[in-house]
Amino acid sequence: MTTHQLAQEVHGALRAGQTVDESAIQELAGRLRGPLILPGQEGYEPARRLWNGMIDRRPALIVRPTGVADVVESVNFARAHDLLLAMRGGGHNVAGLAVCDGGLMLDLSGLKGIRVDPAARTAWAQPGVVWGELDRETQLFGLATPGGFVSTTGIAGLTLGGGFGWFSRKHGYTCDNLLAVEIVTADGRYLTASEEEHADLFWAVRGGGGNFGVATGFHYRLHPLGPTVVAGLILYPMAQAEEVLRFYRAFSEAAPDELGTLASLRLAPALPILPKELHGAPVVGIAVCYTGNIADGEAILRPLRDFGRPLLDTIGPKPYTVHQRFLDASLPPGRQYYWKSEYLPALREDAINMIIAHARTITSPLTNVVIFQLGGAMGRMAEDANAAGNRDAAYVLNIATQWAEPDEAPRHIEWTRAFWSAMLPFSTGGVYVNFLSEGEGQDRVRAAYRTNYARLVTVKNKYDPTNLFRVNQNIQPAV
């Protein structure tokens, strides 16, 4: 395909009424060190695909930067030509905001640099790194920072949206452990935001998502962890869900900060760790990870392991990196994903009953209803310590609906929304921004930040007054 033909492909992919000169595209390609991928070129189709198979968008240009200079060139080009600008790190976001129709997709997934300083207990990582990769490097020294529950999740999106994982109750949200962020802003400047430099921007990026620029480097505080933890999953029949969730409520409320927990209601997936006779059976599970002393963890988890008659018990000492991967197989790339979520102040009896009633009517054998425990260090920080907020939540409910065939979408989405609507009376009024699905609306974005939203708008006005960075859960500037 000739250069002219490629330019025609770009024009065909642009939003209605937009044009970009062929010469401008050629100049951009010449200034980049990394590849510029256009519609019709080899690699374009896989590059635009994300983890969530529901997302089907066609950018006009895809840039794969090799460094910060390519990012600056891309930001300047998008601003100069009024193009939508989407940023991809791990591409794992359920809303699919890493790609846009008719704009420029900045694919940062190839930026994989990691540097660990074991003496200072810090790590620096680039935005294409996923949690399994960062954990591999930090665990070499018996260190880690709170990350996600799935090892293939990108560090960038999770961190910028707040982030929590198995030992966040001990050390806070992922963004609470940021020491600095390197970022390219809407005017093409490369800044380092920290408590000492651009402190207002640093406050905002810790929870405010990709609203303020392209993050090109993350500096994390690390903590001693493992490498062996006491962790695993215990399963019960769904018929015992009322007793199990009541036990889980009491057990989790008494849990020390070193213990991370979640409860799950679903049809048992066909995974190697589960006996074949359980595949497809309705089950309720409790997953745990104790990040302190092994003997203490085994003693603290004994009441859980002694409760009821479990179908399966995999709890025991294991490498932290192994436990971090145990949910990966149940969330593979390419499936159709639609989530609805709410923060809960407690697990009230009537909330438990409502969760169970809807879980028993699950429409897809792949769907998972998850109750993540929060609190601990996450809840002890001030609500405005950074943009993440929602510190009063004790749990977050995620109705993680997934299915294989696109034509099944209407009934699964309808079930998800009905379940979510029924849970609204039990919510804090807040929602975790990283669990928002596509097209949730501005009210839901405000719910993700609540009292911090007005301050976020002030920072947005300063660093991105024209809303160049709007392919996200958008904080809209007031100017």
Protein backbone atom coordinates (compact mmCIF):
# COMPACT_ATOMS: atom_id res chain seq x y z
CA MET A 1 0.00 0.00 0.00
CA THR A 2 1.42 3.41 -0.99
CA THR A 3 1.87 6.32 1.40
CA HIS A 4 -1.01 8.09 -0.31
CA GLN A 5 -3.26 5.05 0.11
CA LEU A 6 -2.35 4.85 3.79
CA ALA A 7 -3.20 8.51 4.19
CA GLN A 8 -6.57 7.81 2.60
CA GLU A 9 -7.12 5.03 5.13
CA VAL A 10 -6.39 7.52 7.92
CA HIS A 11 -8.87 10.04 6.51
CA GLY A 12 -11.49 7.32 6.29
CA ALA A 13 -10.98 6.50 9.97
CA LEU A 14 -11.07 10.09 11.24
CA ARG A 15 -14.15 11.50 12.90
CA ALA A 16 -16.63 13.24 10.64
CA GLY A 17 -15.43 16.69 9.54
CA GLN A 18 -11.79 16.10 10.49
CA THR A 19 -8.83 16.06 8.12
CA VAL A 20 -5.09 15.62 8.56
CA ASP A 21 -2.71 16.51 5.72
CA GLU A 22 -0.79 13.61 4.23
CA SER A 23 2.39 15.61 4.75
CA ALA A 24 1.62 16.01 8.48
CA ILE A 25 1.30 12.24 8.85
CA GLN A 26 4.59 11.73 7.05
CA GLU A 27 6.28 14.34 9.24
CA LEU A 28 4.99 12.66 12.38
CA ALA A 29 6.29 9.28 11.22
CA GLY A 30 9.67 10.87 10.54
CA ARG A 31 9.89 12.41 14.02
CA LEU A 32 9.02 9.19 15.84
CA ARG A 33 11.55 6.54 16.81
CA GLY A 34 8.78 4.01 17.44
CA PRO A 35 6.33 2.78 14.78
CA LEU A 36 3.30 4.66 13.52
CA ILE A 37 0.63 2.12 12.57
CA LEU A 38 -2.19 3.17 10.26
CA PRO A 39 -5.43 1.43 9.25
CA GLY A 40 -4.73 -1.24 6.66
CA GLN A 41 -1.18 -1.83 7.80
CA GLU A 42 0.08 -5.08 9.26
CA GLY A 43 -0.32 -5.06 13.02
CA TYR A 44 -3.18 -2.57 13.10
CA GLU A 45 -5.94 -5.08 13.96
CA PRO A 46 -4.19 -6.75 16.92
CA ALA A 47 -2.95 -3.38 18.18
CA ARG A 48 -6.46 -1.97 18.54
CA ARG A 49 -7.83 -5.03 20.36
CA LEU A 50 -8.12 -4.91 24.15
CA TRP A 51 -8.71 -7.37 26.98
CA ASN A 52 -12.46 -6.64 26.91
CA GLY A 53 -13.79 -8.23 23.72
CA MET A 54 -16.85 -5.92 23.81
CA ILE A 55 -14.68 -3.00 22.76
CA ASP A 56 -14.45 -2.55 18.98
CA ARG A 57 -13.02 0.86 18.11
CA ARG A 58 -10.89 1.96 15.17
CA PRO A 59 -8.30 4.69 15.79
CA ALA A 60 -7.00 6.64 12.82
CA LEU A 61 -3.39 6.38 14.02
CA ILE A 62 -1.60 4.15 16.52
CA VAL A 63 1.77 5.25 17.93
CA ARG A 64 3.97 2.81 19.82
CA PRO A 65 6.53 5.04 21.53
CA THR A 66 10.00 3.87 22.46
CA GLY A 67 10.50 6.68 24.96
CA VAL A 68 9.26 9.98 26.32
CA ALA A 69 10.18 11.94 23.19
CA ASP A 70 7.70 9.89 21.14
CA VAL A 71 5.03 10.56 23.76
CA VAL A 72 5.64 14.30 23.57
CA GLU A 73 5.46 14.21 19.75
CA SER A 74 2.17 12.29 19.90
CA VAL A 75 0.58 14.63 22.43
CA ASN A 76 1.61 17.67 20.42
CA PHE A 77 0.27 16.12 17.21
CA ALA A 78 -3.09 15.22 18.78
CA ARG A 79 -3.43 18.72 20.24
CA ALA A 80 -2.47 20.46 16.99
CA HIS A 81 -4.96 18.43 14.93
CA ASP A 82 -7.74 18.29 17.56
CA LEU A 83 -7.64 14.49 17.62
CA LEU A 84 -9.10 12.27 20.28
CA LEU A 85 -6.19 10.85 22.27
CA ALA A 86 -6.39 7.45 23.98
CA MET A 87 -3.65 5.92 26.12
CA ARG A 88 -3.02 2.21 26.47
CA GLY A 89 -0.91 0.63 29.18
CA GLY A 90 -1.98 -2.93 29.96
CA GLY A 91 -5.27 -2.54 28.04
CA HIS A 92 -7.12 -4.30 30.89
CA ASN A 93 -9.64 -1.58 31.75
CA VAL A 94 -13.20 -2.91 31.54
CA ALA A 95 -14.51 0.30 29.95
CA GLY A 96 -12.05 -0.06 27.07
CA LEU A 97 -10.83 3.52 27.31
CA ALA A 98 -7.39 2.61 25.97
CA VAL A 99 -8.63 2.95 22.39
CA CYS A 100 -10.74 5.54 20.57
CA ASP A 101 -12.64 5.83 17.31
CA GLY A 102 -11.10 8.15 14.74
CA GLY A 103 -8.31 9.51 16.92
CA LEU A 104 -4.75 8.75 17.99
CA MET A 105 -4.11 5.72 20.16
CA LEU A 106 -0.90 6.01 22.17
CA ASP A 107 0.09 2.40 22.83
CA LEU A 108 2.51 2.42 25.76
CA SER A 109 2.47 -1.35 26.23
CA GLY A 110 6.02 -1.72 24.88
CA LEU A 111 7.52 0.51 27.59
CA LYS A 112 8.56 -2.23 30.03
CA GLY A 113 11.44 -0.74 32.01
CA ILE A 114 11.69 -1.67 35.72
CA ARG A 115 14.35 -0.61 38.20
CA VAL A 116 14.35 -1.75 41.83
CA ASP A 117 16.43 -0.16 44.60
CA PRO A 118 16.33 -2.74 47.42
CA ALA A 119 18.29 -0.54 49.83
CA ALA A 120 15.89 2.40 49.49
CA ARG A 121 12.90 0.03 49.09
CA THR A 122 11.69 1.81 45.97
CA ALA A 123 10.92 0.85 42.40
CA TRP A 124 10.59 2.74 39.13
CA ALA A 125 8.50 1.28 36.33
CA GLN A 126 7.21 2.34 32.92
CA PRO A 127 3.52 2.30 31.94
CA GLY A 128 3.61 -0.85 29.81
CA VAL A 129 4.50 -3.01 32.81
CA VAL A 130 1.84 -5.36 34.21
CA TRP A 131 1.64 -6.42 37.83
CA GLY A 132 3.10 -9.86 37.34
CA GLU A 133 6.19 -8.31 35.78
CA LEU A 134 6.66 -5.76 38.55
CA ASP A 135 6.09 -8.37 41.27
CA ARG A 136 8.68 -10.66 39.67
CA GLU A 137 11.36 -7.99 39.99
CA THR A 138 10.46 -6.71 43.45
CA GLN A 139 9.96 -10.18 44.94
CA LEU A 140 13.56 -10.99 44.04
CA PHE A 141 14.34 -8.83 47.08
CA GLY A 142 11.34 -9.86 49.20
CA LEU A 143 9.60 -6.55 48.46
CA ALA A 144 6.35 -5.44 46.83
CA THR A 145 3.88 -2.59 46.54
CA PRO A 146 0.11 -3.12 46.72
CA GLY A 147 -1.12 -4.09 43.26
CA GLY A 148 -4.14 -5.68 41.66
CA PHE A 149 -5.71 -9.12 42.00
CA VAL A 150 -4.89 -10.18 38.42
CA SER A 151 -1.25 -10.34 37.35
CA THR A 152 -1.96 -9.26 33.75
CA THR A 153 -3.47 -5.92 34.80
CA GLY A 154 -1.36 -2.92 33.79
CA ILE A 155 0.25 -0.93 36.58
CA ALA A 156 -0.56 2.42 34.95
CA GLY A 157 -4.33 2.36 34.78
CA LEU A 158 -4.75 0.60 38.11
CA THR A 159 -2.42 3.00 39.93
CA LEU A 160 -3.87 6.16 38.42
CA GLY A 161 -7.39 5.02 39.36
CA GLY A 162 -6.42 4.28 42.97
CA GLY A 163 -5.70 0.56 42.95
CA PHE A 164 -5.96 -2.04 45.68
CA GLY A 165 -4.88 -5.62 46.18
CA TRP A 166 -4.12 -8.38 48.66
CA PHE A 167 -2.11 -6.29 51.10
CA SER A 168 -3.71 -2.87 50.69
CA ARG A 169 -5.28 -3.23 54.13
CA LYS A 170 -1.73 -3.15 55.48
CA HIS A 171 -0.20 -0.46 53.26
CA GLY A 172 -3.05 1.43 51.56
CA TYR A 173 -4.20 1.92 48.00
CA THR A 174 -1.63 1.52 45.25
CA CYS A 175 -1.67 5.29 44.70
CA ASP A 176 -0.98 5.83 48.41
CA ASN A 177 2.39 4.19 47.74
CA LEU A 178 3.39 6.46 44.87
CA LEU A 179 6.40 8.65 45.50
CA ALA A 180 6.36 10.42 42.14
CA VAL A 181 4.90 10.23 38.63
CA GLU A 182 6.65 11.29 35.43
CA ILE A 183 4.01 12.77 33.14
CA VAL A 184 3.61 14.54 29.81
CA THR A 185 0.92 17.22 30.09
CA ALA A 186 -1.45 18.59 27.46
CA ASP A 187 0.95 21.36 26.42
CA GLY A 188 3.71 18.82 25.75
CA ARG A 189 5.72 19.47 28.91
CA TYR A 190 7.49 16.59 30.65
CA LEU A 191 7.09 16.97 34.41
CA THR A 192 7.81 15.02 37.55
CA ALA A 193 4.93 15.32 40.00
CA SER A 194 5.61 14.60 43.66
CA GLU A 195 5.04 16.10 47.09
CA GLU A 196 7.90 18.51 46.33
CA GLU A 197 7.17 19.35 42.66
CA HIS A 198 3.79 20.12 41.15
CA ALA A 199 2.12 18.90 44.31
CA ASP A 200 -1.35 19.78 43.05
CA LEU A 201 -0.87 17.55 40.02
CA PHE A 202 0.58 14.79 42.20
CA TRP A 203 -2.51 14.93 44.42
CA ALA A 204 -4.78 14.61 41.37
CA VAL A 205 -3.05 11.76 39.52
CA ARG A 206 -3.30 9.57 42.63
CA GLY A 207 -6.81 8.40 41.86
CA GLY A 208 -7.83 10.86 39.13
CA GLY A 209 -6.98 8.51 36.27
CA GLY A 210 -5.55 9.64 32.96
CA ASN A 211 -7.25 13.03 33.06
CA PHE A 212 -4.11 15.12 33.46
CA GLY A 213 -1.52 13.71 31.08
CA VAL A 214 0.37 10.66 29.88
CA ALA A 215 2.18 8.99 32.76
CA THR A 216 5.54 7.68 31.53
CA GLY A 217 7.11 6.60 34.81
CA PHE A 218 5.94 5.52 38.26
CA HIS A 219 8.05 5.68 41.43
CA TYR A 220 6.72 3.32 44.11
CA ARG A 221 7.43 2.78 47.78
CA LEU A 222 8.08 -0.92 48.46
CA HIS A 223 7.41 -2.99 51.58
CA PRO A 224 8.76 -6.29 52.86
CA LEU A 225 6.52 -9.12 51.69
CA GLY A 226 6.97 -12.86 51.44
CA PRO A 227 8.18 -14.23 49.20
CA THR A 228 6.01 -16.89 50.91
CA VAL A 229 2.52 -16.01 52.15
CA VAL A 230 -0.37 -18.02 53.58
CA ALA A 231 -3.05 -17.79 50.93
CA GLY A 232 -5.65 -19.63 48.92
CA LEU A 233 -9.31 -20.29 48.24
CA ILE A 234 -11.99 -22.19 50.15
CA LEU A 235 -15.29 -23.16 48.45
CA TYR A 236 -18.73 -24.09 49.75
CA PRO A 237 -21.98 -25.06 48.00
CA MET A 238 -24.19 -22.10 47.05
CA ALA A 239 -26.91 -23.69 49.19
CA GLN A 240 -24.86 -22.61 52.23
CA ALA A 241 -24.39 -19.03 51.00
CA GLU A 242 -26.32 -17.38 53.86
CA GLU A 243 -24.23 -19.08 56.54
CA VAL A 244 -20.97 -18.58 54.64
CA LEU A 245 -21.46 -14.84 54.04
CA ARG A 246 -22.53 -14.26 57.64
CA PHE A 247 -19.38 -16.04 58.76
CA TYR A 248 -17.36 -14.03 56.23
CA ARG A 249 -18.76 -10.77 57.59
CA ALA A 250 -17.73 -11.59 61.17
CA PHE A 251 -14.38 -13.05 60.11
CA SER A 252 -13.42 -10.12 57.88
CA GLU A 253 -14.55 -7.49 60.39
CA ALA A 254 -12.14 -9.01 62.93
CA ALA A 255 -9.30 -9.47 60.44
CA PRO A 256 -5.92 -7.85 61.14
CA ASP A 257 -4.45 -5.49 58.56
CA GLU A 258 -2.10 -8.21 57.34
CA LEU A 259 -5.05 -10.25 56.03
CA GLY A 260 -6.64 -9.50 52.67
CA THR A 261 -9.95 -11.20 51.89
CA LEU A 262 -12.68 -11.44 49.30
CA ALA A 263 -15.88 -13.43 48.93
CA SER A 264 -17.16 -14.74 45.62
CA LEU A 265 -20.44 -16.19 44.34
CA ARG A 266 -20.51 -17.90 40.95
CA LEU A 267 -20.72 -21.13 39.01
CA ALA A 268 -17.42 -22.93 39.54
CA PRO A 269 -15.20 -22.42 36.48
CA ALA A 270 -13.44 -25.25 34.66
CA LEU A 271 -10.02 -24.47 36.10
CA PRO A 272 -7.23 -26.98 36.80
CA ILE A 273 -7.28 -26.22 40.55
CA LEU A 274 -10.92 -27.33 40.79
CA PRO A 275 -12.03 -30.99 40.65
CA LYS A 276 -14.01 -31.77 37.49
CA GLU A 277 -17.10 -32.68 39.50
CA LEU A 278 -17.28 -29.07 40.72
CA HIS A 279 -17.14 -27.48 37.26
CA GLY A 280 -20.36 -25.53 36.71
CA ALA A 281 -21.63 -26.08 40.25
CA PRO A 282 -23.03 -23.02 42.08
CA VAL A 283 -20.53 -22.14 44.79
CA VAL A 284 -19.62 -19.45 47.29
CA GLY A 285 -15.96 -18.94 48.04
CA ILE A 286 -13.64 -17.04 50.36
CA ALA A 287 -10.14 -16.18 49.15
CA VAL A 288 -7.45 -14.92 51.50
CA CYS A 289 -3.86 -13.77 51.61
CA TYR A 290 -1.99 -13.26 54.89
CA THR A 291 1.17 -11.23 54.35
CA GLY A 292 2.72 -11.47 57.82
CA ASN A 293 4.46 -14.27 59.70
CA ILE A 294 3.55 -17.72 58.33
CA ALA A 295 2.77 -19.26 61.73
CA ASP A 296 0.60 -16.27 62.69
CA GLY A 297 -1.24 -16.52 59.40
CA GLU A 298 -1.99 -20.20 59.81
CA ALA A 299 -3.39 -19.54 63.30
CA ILE A 300 -5.51 -16.57 62.16
CA LEU A 301 -6.93 -18.58 59.26
CA ARG A 302 -7.73 -21.67 61.34
CA PRO A 303 -11.32 -20.54 62.17
CA LEU A 304 -12.00 -20.14 58.44
CA ARG A 305 -10.61 -23.56 57.62
CA ASP A 306 -12.60 -25.14 60.45
CA PHE A 307 -15.89 -23.55 59.36
CA GLY A 308 -18.52 -25.78 57.76
CA ARG A 309 -17.81 -28.53 55.27
CA PRO A 310 -15.93 -26.98 52.36
CA LEU A 311 -15.90 -28.49 48.90
CA LEU A 312 -12.31 -27.35 48.40
CA ASP A 313 -9.56 -25.83 50.51
CA THR A 314 -6.35 -24.63 48.85
CA ILE A 315 -5.16 -22.41 51.72
CA GLY A 316 -1.53 -22.86 52.69
CA PRO A 317 1.97 -21.41 52.34
CA LYS A 318 2.85 -20.48 48.74
CA PRO A 319 4.85 -17.87 46.84
CA TYR A 320 3.10 -14.50 46.68
CA THR A 321 3.63 -14.40 42.91
CA VAL A 322 1.80 -17.73 42.55
CA HIS A 323 -1.19 -16.49 44.54
CA GLN A 324 -1.22 -13.29 42.47
CA ARG A 325 -1.88 -15.39 39.37
CA PHE A 326 -4.64 -17.65 40.63
CA LEU A 327 -7.47 -15.46 39.28
CA ASP A 328 -5.84 -14.91 35.86
CA ALA A 329 -7.37 -17.95 34.15
CA SER A 330 -10.91 -16.87 35.04
CA LEU A 331 -10.44 -13.44 33.39
CA PRO A 332 -8.85 -14.18 29.99
CA PRO A 333 -8.53 -11.62 27.19
CA GLY A 334 -11.15 -11.53 24.46
CA ARG A 335 -14.30 -12.31 26.42
CA GLN A 336 -17.22 -9.91 26.64
CA TYR A 337 -17.03 -8.01 29.97
CA TYR A 338 -19.58 -5.71 31.57
CA TRP A 339 -19.24 -4.68 35.22
CA LYS A 340 -21.31 -2.73 37.73
CA SER A 341 -19.96 -1.82 41.13
CA GLU A 342 -20.69 0.00 44.38
CA TYR A 343 -18.82 0.76 47.58
CA LEU A 344 -20.52 -0.69 50.66
CA PRO A 345 -20.18 0.73 54.21
CA ALA A 346 -20.86 -2.72 55.71
CA LEU A 347 -22.31 -6.12 54.88
CA ARG A 348 -25.80 -5.64 56.27
CA GLU A 349 -28.04 -8.67 56.64
CA ASP A 350 -30.46 -7.40 54.01
CA ALA A 351 -27.54 -6.63 51.66
CA ILE A 352 -26.27 -10.19 52.05
CA ASN A 353 -29.73 -11.54 51.26
CA MET A 354 -30.00 -9.35 48.16
CA ILE A 355 -26.57 -10.40 46.88
CA ILE A 356 -27.39 -14.08 47.29
CA ALA A 357 -30.82 -13.77 45.67
CA HIS A 358 -29.32 -12.27 42.51
CA ALA A 359 -26.27 -14.55 42.49
CA ARG A 360 -28.61 -17.53 42.35
CA THR A 361 -30.04 -16.22 39.06
CA ILE A 362 -26.71 -15.67 37.27
CA THR A 363 -27.28 -15.65 33.51
CA SER A 364 -23.75 -16.58 32.42
CA PRO A 365 -21.62 -19.46 33.70
CA LEU A 366 -18.58 -17.16 33.46
CA THR A 367 -19.91 -14.36 35.69
CA ASN A 368 -18.37 -13.73 39.11
CA VAL A 369 -19.94 -11.67 41.92
CA VAL A 370 -17.11 -10.47 44.15
CA ILE A 371 -17.09 -8.73 47.53
CA PHE A 372 -13.62 -7.23 48.15
CA GLN A 373 -12.75 -6.21 51.69
CA LEU A 374 -11.27 -2.72 52.12
CA GLY A 375 -10.60 -0.84 55.37
CA GLY A 376 -7.37 -1.05 57.34
CA ALA A 377 -4.76 1.43 56.13
CA MET A 378 -6.99 2.45 53.21
CA GLY A 379 -9.64 3.69 55.61
CA ARG A 380 -7.32 5.46 58.05
CA MET A 381 -6.04 8.07 55.59
CA ALA A 382 -7.92 11.36 55.24
CA GLU A 383 -10.59 11.47 52.54
CA ASP A 384 -8.66 14.22 50.74
CA ALA A 385 -5.17 12.75 51.21
CA ASN A 386 -5.24 12.24 47.47
CA ALA A 387 -7.91 12.05 44.79
CA ALA A 388 -8.81 8.39 45.41
CA GLY A 389 -11.17 9.20 48.28
CA ASN A 390 -14.11 6.98 49.29
CA ARG A 391 -12.13 6.04 52.39
CA ASP A 392 -15.30 5.25 54.36
CA ALA A 393 -16.02 2.08 52.37
CA ALA A 394 -15.56 -1.25 54.11
CA TYR A 395 -16.18 -3.37 51.02
CA VAL A 396 -16.56 -2.97 47.28
CA LEU A 397 -19.09 -5.11 45.43
CA ASN A 398 -18.22 -5.89 41.82
CA ILE A 399 -20.76 -7.62 39.60
CA ALA A 400 -18.19 -8.89 37.10
CA THR A 401 -20.39 -10.19 34.29
CA GLN A 402 -18.69 -11.94 31.40
CA TRP A 403 -19.75 -14.12 28.50
CA ALA A 404 -18.35 -15.52 25.27
CA GLU A 405 -20.75 -14.68 22.42
CA PRO A 406 -21.51 -11.03 21.52
CA ASP A 407 -25.16 -11.74 20.69
CA GLU A 408 -25.78 -12.75 24.33
CA ALA A 409 -25.07 -9.21 25.55
CA PRO A 410 -28.64 -7.88 26.11
CA ARG A 411 -29.74 -10.47 28.66
CA HIS A 412 -26.46 -10.43 30.59
CA ILE A 413 -26.36 -6.62 30.73
CA GLU A 414 -30.01 -6.49 31.80
CA TRP A 415 -29.32 -8.94 34.65
CA THR A 416 -26.25 -6.96 35.74
CA ARG A 417 -28.07 -3.63 35.81
CA ALA A 418 -31.05 -5.08 37.70
CA PHE A 419 -28.68 -6.54 40.32
CA TRP A 420 -26.80 -3.24 40.61
CA SER A 421 -30.03 -1.22 40.96
CA ALA A 422 -31.14 -3.50 43.78
CA MET A 423 -27.86 -2.84 45.62
CA LEU A 424 -27.98 0.97 45.46
CA PRO A 425 -29.77 1.34 48.82
CA PHE A 426 -26.80 -0.37 50.50
CA SER A 427 -24.10 1.80 48.88
CA THR A 428 -21.99 4.56 50.42
CA GLY A 429 -22.90 6.59 47.35
CA GLY A 430 -19.44 6.04 45.91
CA VAL A 431 -18.02 3.80 43.20
CA TYR A 432 -14.51 2.60 42.37
CA VAL A 433 -13.49 4.35 39.15
CA ASN A 434 -11.54 1.37 37.78
CA PHE A 435 -14.69 -0.79 37.93
CA LEU A 436 -16.82 1.57 35.83
CA SER A 437 -17.94 0.12 32.51
CA GLU A 438 -18.32 1.98 29.23
CA GLY A 439 -20.79 4.89 29.04
CA GLU A 440 -21.70 5.12 32.73
CA GLY A 441 -22.16 8.89 32.61
CA GLN A 442 -20.91 11.94 34.45
CA ASP A 443 -22.91 11.26 37.62
CA ARG A 444 -21.03 8.02 38.10
CA VAL A 445 -17.69 9.77 37.61
CA ARG A 446 -18.67 12.26 40.29
CA ALA A 447 -19.63 9.34 42.54
CA ALA A 448 -16.10 7.98 42.14
CA TYR A 449 -14.64 11.17 43.67
CA ARG A 450 -17.51 12.71 45.67
CA THR A 451 -16.09 15.59 47.77
CA ASN A 452 -12.76 15.49 45.89
CA TYR A 453 -14.37 16.19 42.52
CA ALA A 454 -14.33 20.00 42.75
CA ARG A 455 -10.62 20.03 43.56
CA LEU A 456 -9.96 17.71 40.61
CA VAL A 457 -11.74 20.18 38.32
CA THR A 458 -9.42 22.94 39.58
CA VAL A 459 -6.36 20.85 38.69
CA LYS A 460 -7.89 19.93 35.34
CA ASN A 461 -8.45 23.63 34.57
CA LYS A 462 -4.76 24.27 35.19
CA TYR A 463 -3.14 21.36 33.35
CA ASP A 464 -5.69 20.43 30.66
CA PRO A 465 -8.15 23.31 30.17
CA THR A 466 -9.16 22.15 26.66
CA ASN A 467 -9.82 18.56 27.83
CA LEU A 468 -7.34 16.97 25.45
CA PHE A 469 -7.30 13.99 27.82
CA ARG A 470 -10.98 13.07 27.69
CA VAL A 471 -10.94 9.44 26.56
CA ASN A 472 -11.28 8.34 30.19
CA GLN A 473 -13.71 8.56 33.08
CA ASN A 474 -13.66 12.25 32.40
CA ILE A 475 -13.23 15.11 34.82
CA GLN A 476 -14.52 17.98 32.76
CA PRO A 477 -12.76 21.35 33.00
CA ALA A 478 -14.87 24.33 33.98
CA VAL A 479 -13.14 26.78 31.64
